[in-house]
PDB file of N, CA and C in Angstrom:
ATOM      1  N   MET A   1     116.147  82.909  79.370  1.00  0.00           N
ATOM      2  CA  MET A   1     115.510  83.343  79.675  1.00  0.00           C
ATOM      3  C   MET A   1     114.771  82.804  81.199  1.00  0.00           C
ATOM      4  N   SER A   2     114.726  84.005  82.313  1.00  0.00           N
ATOM      5  CA  SER A   2     113.971  84.053  83.149  1.00  0.00           C
ATOM      6  C   SER A   2     112.856  84.145  82.945  1.00  0.00           C
ATOM      7  N   GLU A   3     112.062  83.700  84.077  1.00  0.00           N
ATOM      8  CA  GLU A   3     110.205  83.918  84.059  1.00  0.00           C
ATOM      9  C   GLU A   3     110.009  83.964  85.096  1.00  0.00           C
ATOM     10  N   VAL A   4     109.036  84.485  85.558  1.00  0.00           N
ATOM     11  CA  VAL A   4     107.955  85.040  87.098  1.00  0.00           C
ATOM     12  C   VAL A   4     106.514  84.912  86.810  1.00  0.00           C
ATOM     13  N   THR A   5     105.771  84.157  87.740  1.00  0.00           N
ATOM     14  CA  THR A   5     104.272  83.636  87.828  1.00  0.00           C
ATOM     15  C   THR A   5     103.748  84.699  88.268  1.00  0.00           C
ATOM     16  N   LEU A   6     102.774  85.503  88.381  1.00  0.00           N
ATOM     17  CA  LEU A   6     101.990  86.403  89.604  1.00  0.00           C
ATOM     18  C   LEU A   6     101.167  85.739  89.953  1.00  0.00           C
ATOM     19  N   GLN A   7     101.073  85.880  90.477  1.00  0.00           N
ATOM     20  CA  GLN A   7      99.516  84.762  91.907  1.00  0.00           C
ATOM     21  C   GLN A   7      98.978  86.056  92.472  1.00  0.00           C
ATOM     22  N   ILE A   8      97.491  85.331  92.357  1.00  0.00           N
ATOM     23  CA  ILE A   8      96.418  86.300  93.637  1.00  0.00           C
ATOM     24  C   ILE A   8      95.941  85.156  93.953  1.00  0.00           C
ATOM     25  N   ASN A   9      96.014  85.728  95.759  1.00  0.00           N
ATOM     26  CA  ASN A   9      94.529  84.790  96.781  1.00  0.00           C
ATOM     27  C   ASN A   9      93.716  85.668  97.024  1.00  0.00           C
ATOM     28  N   VAL A  10      92.892  85.307  96.520  1.00  0.00           N
ATOM     29  CA  VAL A  10      91.213  86.295  97.188  1.00  0.00           C
ATOM     30  C   VAL A  10      90.480  85.245  98.172  1.00  0.00           C
ATOM     31  N   SER A  11      90.807  84.059  98.349  1.00  0.00           N
ATOM     32  CA  SER A  11      90.005  82.952  98.959  1.00  0.00           C
ATOM     33  C   SER A  11      90.132  81.644  99.386  1.00  0.00           C
ATOM     34  N   GLY A  12      91.574  82.325 100.039  1.00  0.00           N
ATOM     35  CA  GLY A  12      92.581  80.927 100.350  1.00  0.00           C
ATOM     36  C   GLY A  12      92.951  79.957  99.386  1.00  0.00           C
ATOM     37  N   SER A  13      93.505  80.157  98.088  1.00  0.00           N
ATOM     38  CA  SER A  13      94.288  79.447  98.052  1.00  0.00           C
ATOM     39  C   SER A  13      94.726  80.442  95.969  1.00  0.00           C
ATOM     40  N   TRP A  14      96.263  80.144  96.256  1.00  0.00           N
ATOM     41  CA  TRP A  14      97.089  80.836  95.049  1.00  0.00           C
ATOM     42  C   TRP A  14      96.746  80.522  93.886  1.00  0.00           C
ATOM     43  N   LYS A  15      96.383  81.344  92.729  1.00  0.00           N
ATOM     44  CA  LYS A  15      95.768  81.418  91.315  1.00  0.00           C
ATOM     45  C   LYS A  15      96.990  81.778  90.752  1.00  0.00           C
ATOM     46  N   ASN A  16      97.605  81.113  89.802  1.00  0.00           N
ATOM     47  CA  ASN A  16      98.441  82.064  88.457  1.00  0.00           C
ATOM     48  C   ASN A  16      97.591  82.758  88.083  1.00  0.00           C
ATOM     49  N   LEU A  17      98.011  84.081  87.861  1.00  0.00           N
ATOM     50  CA  LEU A  17      97.539  84.884  86.388  1.00  0.00           C
ATOM     51  C   LEU A  17      98.331  84.899  85.461  1.00  0.00           C
ATOM     52  N   ILE A  18      99.359  85.463  85.619  1.00  0.00           N
ATOM     53  CA  ILE A  18      99.996  85.347  84.239  1.00  0.00           C
ATOM     54  C   ILE A  18     102.155  85.043  84.096  1.00  0.00           C
ATOM     55  N   THR A  19     102.294  84.505  83.260  1.00  0.00           N
ATOM     56  CA  THR A  19     103.916  84.060  83.353  1.00  0.00           C
ATOM     57  C   THR A  19     104.182  84.604  82.357  1.00  0.00           C
ATOM     58  N   PHE A  20     105.798  85.842  82.295  1.00  0.00           N
ATOM     59  CA  PHE A  20     105.792  86.880  82.030  1.00  0.00           C
ATOM     60  C   PHE A  20     107.365  86.709  82.166  1.00  0.00           C
ATOM     61  N   ASP A  21     108.245  87.256  81.272  1.00  0.00           N
ATOM     62  CA  ASP A  21     109.605  87.331  81.232  1.00  0.00           C
ATOM     63  C   ASP A  21     110.211  88.399  82.659  1.00  0.00           C
ATOM     64  N   ALA A  22     110.915  87.962  83.374  1.00  0.00           N
ATOM     65  CA  ALA A  22     111.729  88.666  84.536  1.00  0.00           C
ATOM     66  C   ALA A  22     111.731  90.050  84.399  1.00  0.00           C
ATOM     67  N   SER A  23     112.610  90.280  83.137  1.00  0.00           N
ATOM     68  CA  SER A  23     112.680  92.090  82.088  1.00  0.00           C
ATOM     69  C   SER A  23     110.982  92.829  82.935  1.00  0.00           C
ATOM     70  N   ARG A  24     110.830  92.181  82.207  1.00  0.00           N
ATOM     71  CA  ARG A  24     108.735  92.850  82.602  1.00  0.00           C
ATOM     72  C   ARG A  24     108.216  93.238  83.812  1.00  0.00           C
ATOM     73  N   ALA A  25     108.793  92.679  84.905  1.00  0.00           N
ATOM     74  CA  ALA A  25     108.477  92.368  86.715  1.00  0.00           C
ATOM     75  C   ALA A  25     107.858  93.890  86.962  1.00  0.00           C
ATOM     76  N   PRO A  26     108.659  95.514  86.121  1.00  0.00           N
ATOM     77  CA  PRO A  26     108.248  96.477  86.750  1.00  0.00           C
ATOM     78  C   PRO A  26     107.410  96.937  85.919  1.00  0.00           C
ATOM     79  N   GLU A  27     107.072  96.627  84.893  1.00  0.00           N
ATOM     80  CA  GLU A  27     105.909  96.893  84.243  1.00  0.00           C
ATOM     81  C   GLU A  27     104.592  96.712  84.324  1.00  0.00           C
ATOM     82  N   VAL A  28     105.132  94.827  85.294  1.00  0.00           N
ATOM     83  CA  VAL A  28     104.022  93.994  85.794  1.00  0.00           C
ATOM     84  C   VAL A  28     103.349  94.576  87.278  1.00  0.00           C
ATOM     85  N   ARG A  29     104.260  95.037  87.813  1.00  0.00           N
ATOM     86  CA  ARG A  29     103.887  95.312  88.774  1.00  0.00           C
ATOM     87  C   ARG A  29     103.418  96.668  89.048  1.00  0.00           C
ATOM     88  N   LYS A  30     103.465  97.440  88.348  1.00  0.00           N
ATOM     89  CA  LYS A  30     102.860  99.064  88.441  1.00  0.00           C
ATOM     90  C   LYS A  30     101.202  99.006  87.544  1.00  0.00           C
ATOM     91  N   ALA A  31     101.094  97.431  86.817  1.00  0.00           N
ATOM     92  CA  ALA A  31      99.902  97.517  86.809  1.00  0.00           C
ATOM     93  C   ALA A  31      98.967  96.444  87.730  1.00  0.00           C
ATOM     94  N   VAL A  32      99.477  96.163  88.650  1.00  0.00           N
ATOM     95  CA  VAL A  32      99.456  95.631  89.444  1.00  0.00           C
ATOM     96  C   VAL A  32      98.324  96.331  90.394  1.00  0.00           C
ATOM     97  N   SER A  33      99.505  97.037  90.594  1.00  0.00           N
ATOM     98  CA  SER A  33      99.258  98.208  91.709  1.00  0.00           C
ATOM     99  C   SER A  33      97.102  98.573  91.976  1.00  0.00           C
ATOM    100  N   GLY A  34      97.187  99.310  90.753  1.00  0.00           N
ATOM    101  CA  GLY A  34      95.722 100.082  90.477  1.00  0.00           C
ATOM    102  C   GLY A  34      94.614  98.631  90.890  1.00  0.00           C
ATOM    103  N   LEU A  35      95.235  97.547  90.413  1.00  0.00           N
ATOM    104  CA  LEU A  35      93.715  95.880  90.803  1.00  0.00           C
ATOM    105  C   LEU A  35      94.117  95.938  92.319  1.00  0.00           C
ATOM    106  N   SER A  36      95.336  95.736  93.338  1.00  0.00           N
ATOM    107  CA  SER A  36      95.474  95.625  94.613  1.00  0.00           C
ATOM    108  C   SER A  36      94.675  96.740  95.015  1.00  0.00           C
ATOM    109  N   ALA A  37      95.037  97.962  94.722  1.00  0.00           N
ATOM    110  CA  ALA A  37      94.411  99.071  95.675  1.00  0.00           C
ATOM    111  C   ALA A  37      92.619  98.989  95.840  1.00  0.00           C
ATOM    112  N   ALA A  38      92.330  98.708  94.057  1.00  0.00           N
ATOM    113  CA  ALA A  38      90.956  98.528  94.043  1.00  0.00           C
ATOM    114  C   ALA A  38      90.263  97.288  94.307  1.00  0.00           C
ATOM    115  N   LEU A  39      90.879  96.124  94.829  1.00  0.00           N
ATOM    116  CA  LEU A  39      90.254  95.205  95.715  1.00  0.00           C
ATOM    117  C   LEU A  39      90.673  95.050  96.691  1.00  0.00           C
ATOM    118  N   GLY A  40      91.464  95.989  97.437  1.00  0.00           N
ATOM    119  CA  GLY A  40      91.656  95.432  98.765  1.00  0.00           C
ATOM    120  C   GLY A  40      92.124  94.900  99.568  1.00  0.00           C
ATOM    121  N   ALA A  41      92.644  94.995 100.849  1.00  0.00           N
ATOM    122  CA  ALA A  41      93.090  94.008 101.527  1.00  0.00           C
ATOM    123  C   ALA A  41      92.376  92.708 101.425  1.00  0.00           C
ATOM    124  N   SER A  42      91.957  91.923 100.639  1.00  0.00           N
ATOM    125  CA  SER A  42      90.738  90.562 100.458  1.00  0.00           C
ATOM    126  C   SER A  42      91.769  89.784  99.340  1.00  0.00           C
ATOM    127  N   ALA A  43      92.709  90.943  99.029  1.00  0.00           N
ATOM    128  CA  ALA A  43      93.585  90.098  97.342  1.00  0.00           C
ATOM    129  C   ALA A  43      94.700  90.053  97.948  1.00  0.00           C
ATOM    130  N   LYS A  44      95.586  88.917  98.209  1.00  0.00           N
ATOM    131  CA  LYS A  44      96.791  89.360  98.323  1.00  0.00           C
ATOM    132  C   LYS A  44      98.153  88.858  97.363  1.00  0.00           C
ATOM    133  N   TRP A  45      98.760  89.414  96.986  1.00  0.00           N
ATOM    134  CA  TRP A  45      99.658  89.157  95.166  1.00  0.00           C
ATOM    135  C   TRP A  45     101.029  88.503  95.728  1.00  0.00           C
ATOM    136  N   CYS A  46     101.246  88.081  94.587  1.00  0.00           N
ATOM    137  CA  CYS A  46     103.078  87.191  94.563  1.00  0.00           C
ATOM    138  C   CYS A  46     103.627  87.432  92.987  1.00  0.00           C
ATOM    139  N   PHE A  47     105.082  87.533  93.462  1.00  0.00           N
ATOM    140  CA  PHE A  47     105.539  87.001  92.469  1.00  0.00           C
ATOM    141  C   PHE A  47     106.037  85.639  92.693  1.00  0.00           C
ATOM    142  N   VAL A  48     106.540  84.558  91.485  1.00  0.00           N
ATOM    143  CA  VAL A  48     106.915  83.694  91.968  1.00  0.00           C
ATOM    144  C   VAL A  48     108.114  83.421  91.178  1.00  0.00           C
ATOM    145  N   HIS A  49     109.307  83.358  91.476  1.00  0.00           N
ATOM    146  CA  HIS A  49     110.402  83.611  90.576  1.00  0.00           C
ATOM    147  C   HIS A  49     110.581  82.111  89.968  1.00  0.00           C
ATOM    148  N   ASP A  50     111.809  81.652  89.128  1.00  0.00           N
ATOM    149  CA  ASP A  50     112.809  80.651  88.988  1.00  0.00           C
ATOM    150  C   ASP A  50     113.068  80.136  90.282  1.00  0.00           C
ATOM    151  N   GLY A  51     112.753  78.554  90.665  1.00  0.00           N
ATOM    152  CA  GLY A  51     113.208  78.158  91.862  1.00  0.00           C
ATOM    153  C   GLY A  51     112.094  78.002  93.120  1.00  0.00           C
ATOM    154  N   GLY A  52     111.681  78.881  92.587  1.00  0.00           N
ATOM    155  CA  GLY A  52     110.080  79.281  93.564  1.00  0.00           C
ATOM    156  C   GLY A  52     110.350  80.009  94.812  1.00  0.00           C
ATOM    157  N   ARG A  53     110.849  80.687  94.586  1.00  0.00           N
ATOM    158  CA  ARG A  53     111.298  81.973  95.496  1.00  0.00           C
ATOM    159  C   ARG A  53     109.774  82.781  95.586  1.00  0.00           C
ATOM    160  N   ARG A  54     109.101  83.283  96.724  1.00  0.00           N
ATOM    161  CA  ARG A  54     107.843  84.118  96.269  1.00  0.00           C
ATOM    162  C   ARG A  54     108.687  85.133  96.634  1.00  0.00           C
ATOM    163  N   GLU A  55     107.664  86.539  96.308  1.00  0.00           N
ATOM    164  CA  GLU A  55     107.812  87.532  96.460  1.00  0.00           C
ATOM    165  C   GLU A  55     106.989  88.438  96.954  1.00  0.00           C
ATOM    166  N   TRP A  56     106.081  88.336  97.911  1.00  0.00           N
ATOM    167  CA  TRP A  56     105.329  89.097  98.545  1.00  0.00           C
ATOM    168  C   TRP A  56     105.226  90.653  97.882  1.00  0.00           C
ATOM    169  N   LEU A  57     103.433  90.940  97.308  1.00  0.00           N
ATOM    170  CA  LEU A  57     103.666  92.295  96.884  1.00  0.00           C
ATOM    171  C   LEU A  57     102.749  93.186  97.300  1.00  0.00           C
ATOM    172  N   GLN A  58     101.800  92.579  98.015  1.00  0.00           N
ATOM    173  CA  GLN A  58     100.693  93.565  99.104  1.00  0.00           C
ATOM    174  C   GLN A  58     101.293  95.013  99.356  1.00  0.00           C
ATOM    175  N   ASN A  59     101.594  94.720 100.022  1.00  0.00           N
ATOM    176  CA  ASN A  59     101.918  95.811 101.006  1.00  0.00           C
ATOM    177  C   ASN A  59     102.423  97.536  99.992  1.00  0.00           C
ATOM    178  N   SER A  60     103.591  96.311  99.305  1.00  0.00           N
ATOM    179  CA  SER A  60     104.362  97.225  98.521  1.00  0.00           C
ATOM    180  C   SER A  60     103.678  98.360  97.585  1.00  0.00           C
ATOM    181  N   LEU A  61     102.891  97.503  97.009  1.00  0.00           N
ATOM    182  CA  LEU A  61     101.956  97.612  95.860  1.00  0.00           C
ATOM    183  C   LEU A  61     100.819  99.138  96.234  1.00  0.00           C
ATOM    184  N   VAL A  62      99.992  98.442  97.370  1.00  0.00           N
ATOM    185  CA  VAL A  62      99.199  99.445  97.944  1.00  0.00           C
ATOM    186  C   VAL A  62      99.909 100.547  98.208  1.00  0.00           C
ATOM    187  N   GLU A  63     101.196 101.118  99.113  1.00  0.00           N
ATOM    188  CA  GLU A  63     101.919 102.071  99.113  1.00  0.00           C
ATOM    189  C   GLU A  63     101.993 103.169  98.025  1.00  0.00           C
ATOM    190  N   ALA A  64     102.830 101.894  96.984  1.00  0.00           N
ATOM    191  CA  ALA A  64     102.849 102.733  95.695  1.00  0.00           C
ATOM    192  C   ALA A  64     101.896 103.813  95.130  1.00  0.00           C
ATOM    193  N   PHE A  65     100.549 102.803  95.431  1.00  0.00           N
ATOM    194  CA  PHE A  65      99.592 103.114  94.017  1.00  0.00           C
ATOM    195  C   PHE A  65      99.046 104.464  94.697  1.00  0.00           C
ATOM    196  N   SER A  66      99.236 104.278  96.320  1.00  0.00           N
ATOM    197  CA  SER A  66      98.572 105.400  97.012  1.00  0.00           C
ATOM    198  C   SER A  66      99.096 106.906  97.008  1.00  0.00           C
ATOM    199  N   LYS A  67     100.680 106.251  96.787  1.00  0.00           N
ATOM    200  CA  LYS A  67     101.811 107.654  96.828  1.00  0.00           C
ATOM    201  C   LYS A  67     101.441 108.413  95.459  1.00  0.00           C
ATOM    202  N   GLU A  68     101.494 107.423  94.265  1.00  0.00           N
ATOM    203  CA  GLU A  68     101.138 108.417  92.947  1.00  0.00           C
ATOM    204  C   GLU A  68      99.801 109.185  93.186  1.00  0.00           C
ATOM    205  N   ARG A  69      99.143 108.798  93.634  1.00  0.00           N
ATOM    206  CA  ARG A  69      97.658 109.522  93.515  1.00  0.00           C
ATOM    207  C   ARG A  69      97.545 110.733  95.123  1.00  0.00           C
ATOM    208  N   THR A  70      98.726 110.634  95.832  1.00  0.00           N
ATOM    209  CA  THR A  70      98.840 111.429  96.617  1.00  0.00           C
ATOM    210  C   THR A  70      98.972 113.351  95.749  1.00  0.00           C
ATOM    211  N   PRO A  71      98.950 114.092  95.813  1.00  0.00           N
ATOM    212  CA  PRO A  71      98.909 115.432  95.110  1.00  0.00           C
ATOM    213  C   PRO A  71     100.273 115.911  96.362  1.00  0.00           C
TER     214      PRO A  71
END
């Protein structure tokens, strides 16, 4: 089982929010998209994969959320 940790940075340091099975990443990404849009550019998001590889989420989440909301 591969795990991923969701992190947020709102004041200069990264904080772990939740660790979950990698198979749930698409669901977590979708759930975070609304929060990302609500918090704006002040919040930075990333997934930390096994082995420490970071996947930056900020731009992709805001763009995906705005596309979903556009009629």
